[in-house]
PDB file of all heavy atoms in Angstrom:
ATOM      1  N   GLU A   1      19.188 -24.254  14.124  1.00  0.00           N
ATOM      2  CA  GLU A   1      19.059 -22.909  14.706  1.00  0.00           C
ATOM      3  C   GLU A   1      17.836 -22.179  14.197  1.00  0.00           C
ATOM      4  O   GLU A   1      17.324 -21.265  14.847  1.00  0.00           O
ATOM      5  CB  GLU A   1      20.308 -22.085  14.448  1.00  0.00           C
ATOM      6  CG  GLU A   1      20.475 -21.617  13.003  1.00  0.00           C
ATOM      7  CD  GLU A   1      21.655 -20.677  12.847  1.00  0.00           C
ATOM      8  OE1 GLU A   1      22.712 -20.905  13.459  1.00  0.00           O
ATOM      9  OE2 GLU A   1      21.506 -19.692  12.089  1.00  0.00           O
ATOM     10  N   VAL A   2      17.329 -22.567  13.013  1.00  0.00           N
ATOM     11  CA  VAL A   2      16.111 -21.956  12.498  1.00  0.00           C
ATOM     12  C   VAL A   2      14.899 -22.451  13.278  1.00  0.00           C
ATOM     13  O   VAL A   2      14.029 -21.682  13.667  1.00  0.00           O
ATOM     14  CB  VAL A   2      15.938 -22.263  10.999  1.00  0.00           C
ATOM     15  CG1 VAL A   2      14.713 -21.541  10.461  1.00  0.00           C
ATOM     16  CG2 VAL A   2      17.182 -21.880  10.223  1.00  0.00           C
ATOM     17  N   ALA A   3      14.878 -23.744  13.532  1.00  0.00           N
ATOM     18  CA  ALA A   3      13.710 -24.346  14.186  1.00  0.00           C
ATOM     19  C   ALA A   3      13.546 -23.875  15.624  1.00  0.00           C
ATOM     20  O   ALA A   3      12.421 -23.671  16.087  1.00  0.00           O
ATOM     21  CB  ALA A   3      13.816 -25.865  14.133  1.00  0.00           C
ATOM     22  N   ASP A   4      14.661 -23.695  16.359  1.00  0.00           N
ATOM     23  CA  ASP A   4      14.530 -23.360  17.777  1.00  0.00           C
ATOM     24  C   ASP A   4      14.343 -21.860  18.032  1.00  0.00           C
ATOM     25  O   ASP A   4      14.177 -21.457  19.181  1.00  0.00           O
ATOM     26  CB  ASP A   4      15.717 -23.886  18.578  1.00  0.00           C
ATOM     27  CG  ASP A   4      17.052 -23.266  18.172  1.00  0.00           C
ATOM     28  OD1 ASP A   4      17.055 -22.187  17.542  1.00  0.00           O
ATOM     29  OD2 ASP A   4      18.089 -23.856  18.494  1.00  0.00           O
ATOM     30  N   ARG A   5      14.386 -21.037  16.994  1.00  0.00           N
ATOM     31  CA  ARG A   5      14.102 -19.589  17.094  1.00  0.00           C
ATOM     32  C   ARG A   5      15.059 -18.864  18.031  1.00  0.00           C
ATOM     33  O   ARG A   5      14.762 -17.771  18.499  1.00  0.00           O
ATOM     34  CB  ARG A   5      12.657 -19.338  17.562  1.00  0.00           C
ATOM     35  CG  ARG A   5      11.596 -19.940  16.665  1.00  0.00           C
ATOM     36  CD  ARG A   5      10.202 -19.673  17.238  1.00  0.00           C
ATOM     37  NE  ARG A   5       9.167 -20.358  16.512  1.00  0.00           N
ATOM     38  CZ  ARG A   5       8.480 -19.852  15.501  1.00  0.00           C
ATOM     39  NH1 ARG A   5       8.743 -18.643  15.085  1.00  0.00           N
ATOM     40  NH2 ARG A   5       7.532 -20.560  14.914  1.00  0.00           N
ATOM     41  N   ALA A   6      16.179 -19.459  18.340  1.00  0.00           N
ATOM     42  CA  ALA A   6      17.108 -18.830  19.289  1.00  0.00           C
ATOM     43  C   ALA A   6      17.891 -17.687  18.653  1.00  0.00           C
ATOM     44  O   ALA A   6      18.224 -16.712  19.323  1.00  0.00           O
ATOM     45  CB  ALA A   6      18.076 -19.889  19.823  1.00  0.00           C
ATOM     46  N   ILE A   7      18.170 -17.797  17.373  1.00  0.00           N
ATOM     47  CA  ILE A   7      18.983 -16.789  16.684  1.00  0.00           C
ATOM     48  C   ILE A   7      18.106 -16.002  15.723  1.00  0.00           C
ATOM     49  O   ILE A   7      17.402 -16.600  14.890  1.00  0.00           O
ATOM     50  CB  ILE A   7      20.139 -17.457  15.912  1.00  0.00           C
ATOM     51  CG1 ILE A   7      21.045 -18.212  16.888  1.00  0.00           C
ATOM     52  CG2 ILE A   7      20.946 -16.432  15.125  1.00  0.00           C
ATOM     53  CD1 ILE A   7      22.178 -18.964  16.234  1.00  0.00           C
ATOM     54  N   PRO A   8      18.070 -14.679  15.805  1.00  0.00           N
ATOM     55  CA  PRO A   8      17.233 -13.881  14.898  1.00  0.00           C
ATOM     56  C   PRO A   8      17.820 -13.840  13.493  1.00  0.00           C
ATOM     57  O   PRO A   8      19.004 -14.100  13.289  1.00  0.00           O
ATOM     58  CB  PRO A   8      17.248 -12.501  15.546  1.00  0.00           C
ATOM     59  CG  PRO A   8      18.559 -12.443  16.265  1.00  0.00           C
ATOM     60  CD  PRO A   8      18.817 -13.838  16.762  1.00  0.00           C
ATOM     61  N   GLY A   9      16.996 -13.505  12.537  1.00  0.00           N
ATOM     62  CA  GLY A   9      17.453 -13.364  11.162  1.00  0.00           C
ATOM     63  C   GLY A   9      16.909 -14.424  10.232  1.00  0.00           C
ATOM     64  O   GLY A   9      17.260 -14.444   9.051  1.00  0.00           O
ATOM     65  N   HIS A  10      16.046 -15.315  10.742  1.00  0.00           N
ATOM     66  CA  HIS A  10      15.459 -16.349   9.907  1.00  0.00           C
ATOM     67  C   HIS A  10      13.990 -15.984   9.644  1.00  0.00           C
ATOM     68  O   HIS A  10      13.211 -15.844  10.586  1.00  0.00           O
ATOM     69  CB  HIS A  10      15.568 -17.708  10.593  1.00  0.00           C
ATOM     70  CG  HIS A  10      16.984 -18.145  10.815  1.00  0.00           C
ATOM     71  ND1 HIS A  10      17.802 -18.552   9.786  1.00  0.00           N
ATOM     72  CD2 HIS A  10      17.735 -18.208  11.944  1.00  0.00           C
ATOM     73  CE1 HIS A  10      18.998 -18.865  10.259  1.00  0.00           C
ATOM     74  NE2 HIS A  10      18.988 -18.662  11.571  1.00  0.00           N
ATOM     75  N   TRP A  11      13.662 -15.841   8.381  1.00  0.00           N
ATOM     76  CA  TRP A  11      12.374 -15.293   7.979  1.00  0.00           C
ATOM     77  C   TRP A  11      11.512 -16.330   7.281  1.00  0.00           C
ATOM     78  O   TRP A  11      12.007 -17.311   6.726  1.00  0.00           O
ATOM     79  CB  TRP A  11      12.596 -14.109   7.027  1.00  0.00           C
ATOM     80  CG  TRP A  11      13.327 -12.965   7.660  1.00  0.00           C
ATOM     81  CD1 TRP A  11      14.662 -12.881   7.910  1.00  0.00           C
ATOM     82  CD2 TRP A  11      12.761 -11.749   8.142  1.00  0.00           C
ATOM     83  NE1 TRP A  11      14.967 -11.685   8.504  1.00  0.00           N
ATOM     84  CE2 TRP A  11      13.818 -10.959   8.659  1.00  0.00           C
ATOM     85  CE3 TRP A  11      11.459 -11.227   8.167  1.00  0.00           C
ATOM     86  CZ2 TRP A  11      13.617  -9.696   9.208  1.00  0.00           C
ATOM     87  CZ3 TRP A  11      11.260  -9.966   8.702  1.00  0.00           C
ATOM     88  CH2 TRP A  11      12.331  -9.225   9.217  1.00  0.00           C
ATOM     89  N   GLU A  12      10.209 -16.092   7.317  1.00  0.00           N
ATOM     90  CA  GLU A  12       9.242 -16.851   6.529  1.00  0.00           C
ATOM     91  C   GLU A  12       8.486 -15.860   5.657  1.00  0.00           C
ATOM     92  O   GLU A  12       8.202 -14.725   6.098  1.00  0.00           O
ATOM     93  CB  GLU A  12       8.260 -17.592   7.438  1.00  0.00           C
ATOM     94  CG  GLU A  12       8.916 -18.643   8.314  1.00  0.00           C
ATOM     95  CD  GLU A  12       7.958 -19.259   9.320  1.00  0.00           C
ATOM     96  OE1 GLU A  12       6.761 -18.883   9.319  1.00  0.00           O
ATOM     97  OE2 GLU A  12       8.410 -20.103  10.112  1.00  0.00           O
ATOM     98  N   GLY A  13       8.192 -16.261   4.421  1.00  0.00           N
ATOM     99  CA  GLY A  13       7.544 -15.328   3.518  1.00  0.00           C
ATOM    100  C   GLY A  13       6.487 -15.970   2.647  1.00  0.00           C
ATOM    101  O   GLY A  13       6.420 -17.193   2.497  1.00  0.00           O
ATOM    102  N   ASP A  14       5.653 -15.113   2.063  1.00  0.00           N
ATOM    103  CA  ASP A  14       4.574 -15.577   1.195  1.00  0.00           C
ATOM    104  C   ASP A  14       4.016 -14.366   0.467  1.00  0.00           C
ATOM    105  O   ASP A  14       4.346 -13.206   0.782  1.00  0.00           O
ATOM    106  CB  ASP A  14       3.485 -16.254   2.018  1.00  0.00           C
ATOM    107  CG  ASP A  14       2.498 -17.042   1.178  1.00  0.00           C
ATOM    108  OD1 ASP A  14       2.798 -17.279  -0.012  1.00  0.00           O
ATOM    109  OD2 ASP A  14       1.431 -17.405   1.688  1.00  0.00           O
ATOM    110  N   LEU A  15       3.142 -14.626  -0.494  1.00  0.00           N
ATOM    111  CA  LEU A  15       2.354 -13.580  -1.129  1.00  0.00           C
ATOM    112  C   LEU A  15       0.953 -13.580  -0.554  1.00  0.00           C
ATOM    113  O   LEU A  15       0.363 -14.643  -0.345  1.00  0.00           O
ATOM    114  CB  LEU A  15       2.279 -13.791  -2.645  1.00  0.00           C
ATOM    115  CG  LEU A  15       3.577 -13.717  -3.447  1.00  0.00           C
ATOM    116  CD1 LEU A  15       3.272 -13.841  -4.933  1.00  0.00           C
ATOM    117  CD2 LEU A  15       4.340 -12.437  -3.160  1.00  0.00           C
ATOM    118  N   LEU A  16       0.438 -12.398  -0.267  1.00  0.00           N
ATOM    119  CA  LEU A  16      -0.964 -12.254   0.121  1.00  0.00           C
ATOM    120  C   LEU A  16      -1.709 -11.760  -1.129  1.00  0.00           C
ATOM    121  O   LEU A  16      -1.385 -10.699  -1.670  1.00  0.00           O
ATOM    122  CB  LEU A  16      -1.097 -11.250   1.261  1.00  0.00           C
ATOM    123  CG  LEU A  16      -2.388 -11.319   2.085  1.00  0.00           C
ATOM    124  CD1 LEU A  16      -2.478 -12.652   2.811  1.00  0.00           C
ATOM    125  CD2 LEU A  16      -2.435 -10.183   3.101  1.00  0.00           C
ATOM    126  N   ILE A  17      -2.676 -12.541  -1.580  1.00  0.00           N
ATOM    127  CA  ILE A  17      -3.319 -12.294  -2.859  1.00  0.00           C
ATOM    128  C   ILE A  17      -4.570 -11.441  -2.670  1.00  0.00           C
ATOM    129  O   ILE A  17      -5.342 -11.635  -1.721  1.00  0.00           O
ATOM    130  CB  ILE A  17      -3.691 -13.619  -3.549  1.00  0.00           C
ATOM    131  CG1 ILE A  17      -2.465 -14.530  -3.630  1.00  0.00           C
ATOM    132  CG2 ILE A  17      -4.257 -13.359  -4.939  1.00  0.00           C
ATOM    133  CD1 ILE A  17      -1.311 -13.946  -4.396  1.00  0.00           C
ATOM    134  N   GLY A  18      -4.782 -10.497  -3.585  1.00  0.00           N
ATOM    135  CA  GLY A  18      -5.922  -9.606  -3.523  1.00  0.00           C
ATOM    136  C   GLY A  18      -7.144 -10.147  -4.234  1.00  0.00           C
ATOM    137  O   GLY A  18      -7.191 -11.306  -4.663  1.00  0.00           O
ATOM    138  N   ALA A  19      -8.155  -9.296  -4.394  1.00  0.00           N
ATOM    139  CA  ALA A  19      -9.422  -9.686  -4.997  1.00  0.00           C
ATOM    140  C   ALA A  19      -9.219 -10.180  -6.414  1.00  0.00           C
ATOM    141  O   ALA A  19      -8.428  -9.608  -7.195  1.00  0.00           O
ATOM    142  CB  ALA A  19     -10.392  -8.498  -4.979  1.00  0.00           C
ATOM    143  N   TYR A  20      -9.919 -11.249  -6.760  1.00  0.00           N
ATOM    144  CA  TYR A  20      -9.887 -11.844  -8.109  1.00  0.00           C
ATOM    145  C   TYR A  20      -8.470 -12.245  -8.535  1.00  0.00           C
ATOM    146  O   TYR A  20      -8.214 -12.419  -9.733  1.00  0.00           O
ATOM    147  CB  TYR A  20     -10.489 -10.878  -9.148  1.00  0.00           C
ATOM    148  CG  TYR A  20     -11.860 -10.379  -8.770  1.00  0.00           C
ATOM    149  CD1 TYR A  20     -12.052  -9.072  -8.348  1.00  0.00           C
ATOM    150  CD2 TYR A  20     -12.952 -11.229  -8.833  1.00  0.00           C
ATOM    151  CE1 TYR A  20     -13.324  -8.609  -7.984  1.00  0.00           C
ATOM    152  CE2 TYR A  20     -14.225 -10.780  -8.476  1.00  0.00           C
ATOM    153  CZ  TYR A  20     -14.397  -9.467  -8.057  1.00  0.00           C
ATOM    154  OH  TYR A  20     -15.654  -9.030  -7.698  1.00  0.00           O
ATOM    155  N   LYS A  21      -7.575 -12.373  -7.558  1.00  0.00           N
ATOM    156  CA  LYS A  21      -6.189 -12.801  -7.813  1.00  0.00           C
ATOM    157  C   LYS A  21      -5.463 -11.877  -8.790  1.00  0.00           C
ATOM    158  O   LYS A  21      -4.557 -12.300  -9.517  1.00  0.00           O
ATOM    159  CB  LYS A  21      -6.165 -14.252  -8.336  1.00  0.00           C
ATOM    160  CG  LYS A  21      -6.757 -15.253  -7.362  1.00  0.00           C
ATOM    161  CD  LYS A  21      -6.651 -16.676  -7.889  1.00  0.00           C
ATOM    162  CE  LYS A  21      -7.229 -17.648  -6.863  1.00  0.00           C
ATOM    163  NZ  LYS A  21      -7.119 -19.065  -7.322  1.00  0.00           N
ATOM    164  N   ARG A  22      -5.839 -10.618  -8.779  1.00  0.00           N
ATOM    165  CA  ARG A  22      -5.261  -9.652  -9.724  1.00  0.00           C
ATOM    166  C   ARG A  22      -4.139  -8.813  -9.106  1.00  0.00           C
ATOM    167  O   ARG A  22      -3.492  -8.035  -9.817  1.00  0.00           O
ATOM    168  CB  ARG A  22      -6.350  -8.731 -10.267  1.00  0.00           C
ATOM    169  CG  ARG A  22      -7.392  -9.448 -11.115  1.00  0.00           C
ATOM    170  CD  ARG A  22      -8.524  -8.521 -11.480  1.00  0.00           C
ATOM    171  NE  ARG A  22      -9.569  -9.223 -12.256  1.00  0.00           N
ATOM    172  CZ  ARG A  22     -10.755  -8.700 -12.555  1.00  0.00           C
ATOM    173  NH1 ARG A  22     -11.051  -7.467 -12.129  1.00  0.00           N
ATOM    174  NH2 ARG A  22     -11.639  -9.395 -13.240  1.00  0.00           N
ATOM    175  N   SER A  23      -3.939  -8.907  -7.829  1.00  0.00           N
ATOM    176  CA  SER A  23      -2.895  -8.122  -7.163  1.00  0.00           C
ATOM    177  C   SER A  23      -2.367  -8.918  -5.979  1.00  0.00           C
ATOM    178  O   SER A  23      -2.984  -9.898  -5.540  1.00  0.00           O
ATOM    179  CB  SER A  23      -3.445  -6.771  -6.705  1.00  0.00           C
ATOM    180  OG  SER A  23      -4.513  -6.953  -5.774  1.00  0.00           O
ATOM    181  N   ALA A  24      -1.239  -8.465  -5.454  1.00  0.00           N
ATOM    182  CA  ALA A  24      -0.628  -9.191  -4.330  1.00  0.00           C
ATOM    183  C   ALA A  24       0.374  -8.280  -3.634  1.00  0.00           C
ATOM    184  O   ALA A  24       0.805  -7.246  -4.169  1.00  0.00           O
ATOM    185  CB  ALA A  24       0.068 -10.458  -4.819  1.00  0.00           C
ATOM    186  N   ILE A  25       0.745  -8.663  -2.394  1.00  0.00           N
ATOM    187  CA  ILE A  25       1.840  -8.031  -1.676  1.00  0.00           C
ATOM    188  C   ILE A  25       2.722  -9.129  -1.086  1.00  0.00           C
ATOM    189  O   ILE A  25       2.310 -10.278  -0.961  1.00  0.00           O
ATOM    190  CB  ILE A  25       1.344  -7.093  -0.542  1.00  0.00           C
ATOM    191  CG1 ILE A  25       0.525  -7.899   0.488  1.00  0.00           C
ATOM    192  CG2 ILE A  25       0.566  -5.927  -1.092  1.00  0.00           C
ATOM    193  CD1 ILE A  25       0.175  -7.113   1.730  1.00  0.00           C
TER     194      ILE A  25
END
């Protein structure tokens, strides 16, 4: 059910890294 995107509520996540790898969101 995650792969076919039919049911909502399945998330993907990561960190976005800032300059010089000193910060992130």
